[in-house]
Protein backbone atom coordinates (compact mmCIF):
# COMPACT_ATOMS: atom_id res chain seq x y z
CA MET A 1 144.72 142.98 7.54
CA THR A 2 144.25 144.33 3.51
CA GLU A 3 147.95 144.93 1.54
CA PRO A 4 148.84 148.69 0.67
CA VAL A 5 148.04 149.88 -2.49
CA GLU A 6 150.87 151.84 -4.52
CA ALA A 7 149.93 154.36 -6.04
CA GLY A 8 148.06 154.11 -9.31
CA SER A 9 147.12 150.55 -9.22
CA TRP A 10 143.78 149.90 -9.40
CA ARG A 11 141.61 147.09 -7.82
CA PRO A 12 138.08 146.23 -8.49
CA THR A 13 135.53 146.72 -5.55
CA ARG A 14 133.36 143.59 -4.31
CA ALA A 15 130.06 145.25 -5.65
CA LEU A 16 131.95 144.69 -9.52
CA GLY A 17 132.85 141.64 -8.31
CA ARG A 18 129.53 140.53 -7.27
CA ALA A 19 127.84 142.00 -10.61
CA VAL A 20 129.84 140.29 -12.78
CA LEU A 21 129.46 137.19 -10.98
CA LEU A 22 125.89 137.09 -10.47
CA SER A 23 125.31 138.36 -14.90
CA GLY A 24 128.12 135.11 -15.71
CA VAL A 25 125.62 132.87 -13.00
CA LEU A 26 122.58 134.44 -14.67
CA VAL A 27 124.01 133.35 -18.39
CA LEU A 28 124.47 129.63 -16.98
CA LEU A 29 121.44 128.83 -15.64
CA ALA A 30 119.96 130.67 -18.68
CA VAL A 31 121.91 127.68 -20.76
CA LEU A 32 121.75 124.97 -18.72
CA LEU A 33 118.00 125.43 -17.81
CA GLY A 34 116.74 126.55 -21.16
CA ARG A 35 115.15 130.30 -19.99
CA VAL A 36 115.87 133.60 -21.97
CA ASP A 37 114.49 135.44 -19.18
CA LEU A 38 117.46 134.73 -17.25
CA ILE A 39 119.74 136.54 -20.01
CA VAL A 40 117.59 139.22 -20.06
CA LEU A 41 117.92 139.91 -16.86
CA ALA A 42 121.91 139.81 -16.85
CA ALA A 43 121.99 141.76 -19.71
CA PRO A 44 121.92 144.98 -17.83
CA LEU A 45 124.13 144.11 -15.49
CA ALA A 46 126.72 143.05 -18.12
CA LEU A 47 126.19 145.89 -19.48
CA GLY A 48 126.61 148.17 -16.58
CA VAL A 49 130.35 146.69 -15.74
CA ALA A 50 131.55 147.03 -19.32
CA TRP A 51 130.54 150.93 -19.48
CA GLY A 52 131.98 151.47 -15.94
CA LEU A 53 135.36 149.77 -16.95
CA ARG A 54 135.46 151.67 -19.94
CA ASP A 55 135.07 155.30 -18.25
CA ARG A 56 137.83 154.33 -15.45
CA PRO A 57 140.39 156.47 -15.29
CA THR A 58 144.02 154.77 -15.87
CA LYS A 59 146.48 157.35 -14.86
CA GLN A 60 146.84 159.54 -11.25
CA PRO A 61 146.42 162.88 -10.56
CA ARG A 62 149.04 165.29 -11.11
CA LEU A 63 150.06 167.16 -7.78
CA GLU A 64 152.10 170.16 -7.67
CA VAL A 65 152.93 172.66 -4.81
CA VAL A 66 154.67 176.20 -5.86
CA LEU A 67 156.01 177.48 -2.66
CA PRO A 68 158.45 180.93 -2.54
CA THR A 69 161.87 180.07 -2.90
CA ASP A 70 163.20 183.33 -1.02
CA SER A 71 162.96 183.18 2.93
CA ILE A 72 160.53 185.00 5.21
CA ALA A 73 161.03 187.15 7.91
CA GLU A 74 158.94 186.18 10.74
CA GLY A 75 155.25 187.59 11.04
CA GLY A 76 155.51 187.92 6.45
CA GLU A 77 153.41 186.66 4.57
CA VAL A 78 153.37 183.67 2.65
CA GLN A 79 151.62 182.42 -0.54
CA ALA A 80 151.33 178.55 -1.18
CA LEU A 81 149.69 177.53 -4.73
CA ILE A 82 148.29 173.67 -4.64
CA ARG A 83 147.99 172.76 -8.46
CA VAL A 84 146.14 169.27 -9.19
CA GLY A 85 145.34 168.01 -12.84
CA ASN A 86 143.68 165.15 -14.23
CA PRO A 87 145.72 163.14 -16.75
CA ASN A 88 142.76 161.62 -17.89
CA ARG A 89 140.02 161.56 -20.38
CA VAL A 90 136.94 160.66 -17.69
CA PRO A 91 136.80 163.34 -15.08
CA PHE A 92 137.36 162.15 -10.82
CA ASP A 93 134.40 163.33 -9.15
CA VAL A 94 137.26 164.14 -6.23
CA ALA A 95 140.72 163.89 -5.50
CA VAL A 96 141.92 164.28 -1.56
CA LEU A 97 145.28 165.60 -0.79
CA ARG A 98 146.97 166.75 2.05
CA VAL A 99 149.72 168.70 2.18
CA ARG A 100 152.30 168.70 5.01
CA HIS A 101 153.67 171.94 5.43
CA SER A 102 156.47 173.62 8.02
CA PRO A 103 155.07 174.37 11.23
CA TRP A 104 156.04 177.76 11.53
CA LEU A 105 154.05 178.15 8.48
CA ARG A 106 150.38 179.11 9.42
CA LEU A 107 148.45 178.14 6.49
CA PRO A 108 144.78 178.05 7.25
CA LEU A 109 143.43 176.09 4.38
CA LEU A 110 146.25 173.51 4.22
CA ASP A 111 145.93 172.11 8.18
CA ARG A 112 143.18 169.36 7.31
CA PRO A 113 142.34 167.62 4.31
CA LEU A 114 141.27 169.42 0.67
CA ALA A 115 139.07 167.99 -1.77
CA LEU A 116 139.52 169.61 -5.41
CA ARG A 117 137.80 168.32 -8.43
CA PRO A 118 140.14 168.48 -12.14
CA GLU A 119 138.62 168.61 -14.74
CA PRO A 120 140.27 166.14 -17.69
CA GLY A 121 142.71 166.76 -19.37
CA ARG A 122 143.16 170.38 -16.99
CA ARG A 123 145.04 171.54 -14.49
CA THR A 124 142.75 173.36 -10.89
CA GLN A 125 145.27 175.44 -8.46
CA VAL A 126 144.12 177.30 -5.29
CA SER A 127 146.40 179.64 -3.42
CA ALA A 128 146.79 179.12 0.23
CA ASP A 129 147.59 182.64 1.74
CA GLY A 130 149.22 182.55 4.99
CA THR A 131 151.68 184.23 7.56
CA ALA A 132 155.32 183.06 8.96
CA LEU A 133 155.17 182.51 12.53
CA ARG A 134 159.03 182.62 12.80
CA GLY A 135 161.60 183.82 9.59
CA ALA A 136 162.29 180.43 7.76
CA THR A 137 162.99 179.19 4.26
CA THR A 138 159.74 177.67 3.00
CA THR A 139 159.56 173.60 3.40
CA SER A 140 156.32 171.18 2.47
CA GLY A 141 156.41 167.72 2.57
CA PRO A 142 155.63 165.68 -0.88
CA PRO A 143 151.62 166.03 -1.66
CA TRP A 144 150.10 162.94 -1.61
CA GLY A 145 145.96 162.18 -2.82
CA THR A 146 143.67 159.65 -3.32
CA PRO A 147 141.06 160.22 -6.94
CA SER A 148 137.61 159.19 -6.45
CA PRO A 149 137.19 158.38 -10.35
CA ALA A 150 133.59 159.64 -11.85
CA THR A 151 131.28 157.12 -12.09
CA LEU A 152 128.15 158.50 -14.08
CA SER A 153 129.33 161.85 -15.35
C-alpha cells in the first residue's frame, strides 16, 4: 500500500524514472560499445527530462473560501466565493478542489469536485450561489485540492 503524500511534496512518476533509466543505459552502452548512434537516441530523452523538470511547479495552489459572516434566515440566499491562486511561474493543467459545507446550505456548484485552471501569478474566482435550508450561520470545512502541473504549456 502506498504512503499518503503530504501537501506540497513532489514525487517523480514512473515515466520519469523510466526515461532517466533508459537514457542512462543508452549512454553507458554507447561508451562501452563505442557507438555514437546510441548517444543520438539518448539525447532527446535526456533533454525531455531536463525540460520537464525545469517547468515543474514548486508551490501548491492557494485556496480560499469566502462566506457571509452574518446569520442567514431559512430560505435566504447564500453566496460563497472560491478563490484559487497559482503562485508559480508555470501554469497548472487543472486544480481540482472540493469544499465541505454545512448540510443546511444548498450550493449546487459545490456538491461535487470543482476543476479550475488558475493562470501563473493570478487568482481564479468562482461564485457559488445557493439557498439556506435552515436558518444558521454559514460554516465550511477547509478546502483541499490537487494540482496537476502543465506538461507542454
